[in-house]
Amino acid sequence: MPPDVPVLVYDGRCRFCVRSVGWLRARVGDRIRYESFRDPGVLERHPELTAEQCERGAQLVEPGGRVWSDAGAVLRALATRPAFAPVAWLYAVPGLRGLLERGYRVVARNRMRIGGEVCADDACGLHPGR
């Protein structure tokens, strides 16, 4: 059954991703739901997604079932707030979509190097260099 609001599926083990979701939540609030694909049951609730897709980048599942990936997911999520709706147009600008996606992929591939990993048991503070 499709969700009643868009759902942003992200990597909850990635500290950079968790911070980015916090930034997004501060701007769009409860206009979307936020779920880590690593939490039990998330992929089962969204059969249109695979773990491989979610590992590569954020996924936004709209109520009608349409899935937006990567930079498109972030822009569509921002666009759920009317004040940010014009940002969705960025994705339609010829040439800009490709640049946004390439930039997103570079960050996504390096996200663990950028922010590190979130420990399940909150023991990250015990690790050297953190």
Protein backbone atom coordinates (compact mmCIF):
# COMPACT_ATOMS: atom_id res chain seq x y z
CA MET A 1 0.00 0.00 0.00
CA PRO A 2 1.49 3.38 -0.97
CA PRO A 3 2.23 5.84 1.83
CA ASP A 4 -0.07 8.83 2.44
CA VAL A 5 2.90 11.26 2.34
CA PRO A 6 6.19 10.96 0.48
CA VAL A 7 8.76 8.81 2.25
CA LEU A 8 12.47 9.60 2.08
CA VAL A 9 14.44 6.39 2.46
CA TYR A 10 18.05 7.04 3.45
CA ASP A 11 21.06 5.31 5.04
CA GLY A 12 20.63 5.61 8.80
CA ARG A 13 24.08 4.14 9.40
CA CYS A 14 25.73 7.06 7.58
CA ARG A 15 26.43 10.04 9.83
CA PHE A 16 26.47 12.45 6.83
CA CYS A 17 23.08 11.10 5.71
CA VAL A 18 21.58 11.41 9.20
CA ARG A 19 22.77 15.02 9.43
CA SER A 20 21.41 15.76 5.95
CA VAL A 21 18.02 14.33 6.91
CA GLY A 22 18.07 16.55 10.00
CA TRP A 23 18.74 19.56 7.77
CA LEU A 24 15.90 18.54 5.46
CA ARG A 25 13.52 17.86 8.36
CA ALA A 26 14.18 21.38 9.68
CA ARG A 27 12.99 22.76 6.33
CA VAL A 28 10.08 20.52 5.36
CA GLY A 29 9.05 18.98 8.68
CA ASP A 30 6.35 16.33 8.57
CA ARG A 31 5.44 16.89 4.92
CA ILE A 32 7.46 13.74 4.34
CA ARG A 33 8.32 10.69 6.41
CA TYR A 34 11.94 9.72 6.97
CA GLU A 35 12.98 6.06 7.16
CA SER A 36 16.37 4.39 7.21
CA PHE A 37 16.49 1.45 4.83
CA ARG A 38 18.60 -0.32 7.45
CA ASP A 39 15.71 -0.42 9.94
CA PRO A 40 13.72 -3.66 10.08
CA GLY A 41 10.68 -3.71 7.81
CA VAL A 42 11.50 -0.62 5.75
CA LEU A 43 12.38 -2.42 2.52
CA GLU A 44 9.42 -4.75 3.01
CA ARG A 45 7.10 -1.70 3.24
CA HIS A 46 8.61 -0.35 0.01
CA PRO A 47 8.83 -3.31 -2.39
CA GLU A 48 9.62 -0.91 -5.25
CA LEU A 49 13.04 -0.35 -3.66
CA THR A 50 16.06 -2.60 -3.39
CA ALA A 51 18.85 -2.51 -0.84
CA GLU A 52 21.26 -1.83 -3.71
CA GLN A 53 19.32 1.30 -4.77
CA CYS A 54 19.22 2.55 -1.20
CA GLU A 55 22.91 1.83 -0.72
CA ARG A 56 23.68 4.06 -3.74
CA GLY A 57 21.60 7.02 -2.56
CA ALA A 58 18.43 8.47 -1.09
CA GLN A 59 15.08 7.36 -2.49
CA LEU A 60 11.83 9.33 -2.29
CA VAL A 61 8.67 7.25 -2.64
CA GLU A 62 5.66 9.39 -3.51
CA PRO A 63 2.09 8.44 -2.48
CA GLY A 64 1.30 7.33 -6.05
CA GLY A 65 4.28 4.98 -6.02
CA ARG A 66 6.68 7.01 -8.13
CA VAL A 67 10.28 6.77 -6.94
CA TRP A 68 12.82 9.56 -7.21
CA SER A 69 16.46 8.73 -6.59
CA ASP A 70 19.57 10.60 -5.53
CA ALA A 71 19.56 14.37 -6.24
CA GLY A 72 16.03 14.09 -7.62
CA ALA A 73 14.86 12.61 -4.31
CA VAL A 74 16.35 15.48 -2.33
CA LEU A 75 14.95 18.16 -4.65
CA ARG A 76 11.47 16.58 -4.68
CA ALA A 77 11.56 16.32 -0.88
CA LEU A 78 12.45 20.01 -0.58
CA ALA A 79 9.69 20.86 -3.06
CA THR A 80 7.04 19.47 -0.69
CA ARG A 81 7.27 22.79 1.11
CA PRO A 82 5.76 25.53 -1.08
CA ALA A 83 8.57 27.98 -0.31
CA PHE A 84 11.05 25.49 -1.75
CA ALA A 85 8.90 24.27 -4.67
CA PRO A 86 10.94 26.24 -7.23
CA VAL A 87 13.98 24.06 -6.47
CA ALA A 88 12.26 21.18 -8.26
CA TRP A 89 12.68 23.19 -11.47
CA LEU A 90 16.45 22.86 -11.13
CA TYR A 91 16.05 19.21 -12.03
CA ALA A 92 14.37 20.15 -15.31
CA VAL A 93 17.03 22.61 -16.48
CA PRO A 94 18.93 21.06 -19.41
CA GLY A 95 22.44 20.14 -18.36
CA LEU A 96 21.88 20.96 -14.70
CA ARG A 97 20.22 17.63 -13.93
CA GLY A 98 23.35 15.77 -15.03
CA LEU A 99 25.60 18.02 -12.96
CA LEU A 100 23.41 17.60 -9.89
CA GLU A 101 23.38 13.82 -10.27
CA ARG A 102 27.14 13.58 -10.82
CA GLY A 103 27.79 15.75 -7.78
CA TYR A 104 25.36 13.69 -5.72
CA ARG A 105 27.02 10.42 -6.77
CA VAL A 106 30.48 11.70 -5.77
CA VAL A 107 29.20 12.63 -2.32
CA ALA A 108 27.19 9.40 -1.99
CA ARG A 109 30.20 7.22 -2.83
CA ASN A 110 32.28 9.03 -0.21
CA ARG A 111 29.62 9.61 2.43
CA MET A 112 31.24 7.33 5.04
CA ARG A 113 34.58 9.10 4.56
CA ILE A 114 32.88 12.49 4.87
CA GLY A 115 30.89 11.86 8.03
CA GLY A 116 31.71 8.41 9.32
CA GLU A 117 29.41 5.70 10.47
CA VAL A 118 26.77 5.82 13.18
CA CYS A 119 27.31 3.06 15.72
CA ALA A 120 24.28 1.02 16.64
CA ASP A 121 25.32 0.90 20.28
CA ASP A 122 26.35 4.58 20.63
CA ALA A 123 29.96 3.52 21.22
CA CYS A 124 31.42 5.68 18.42
CA GLY A 125 32.76 8.13 20.99
CA LEU A 126 35.07 5.38 22.23
CA HIS A 127 36.76 4.97 18.85
CA PRO A 128 40.06 6.78 18.32
CA GLY A 129 39.88 9.79 16.00
CA ARG A 130 36.18 10.48 16.54
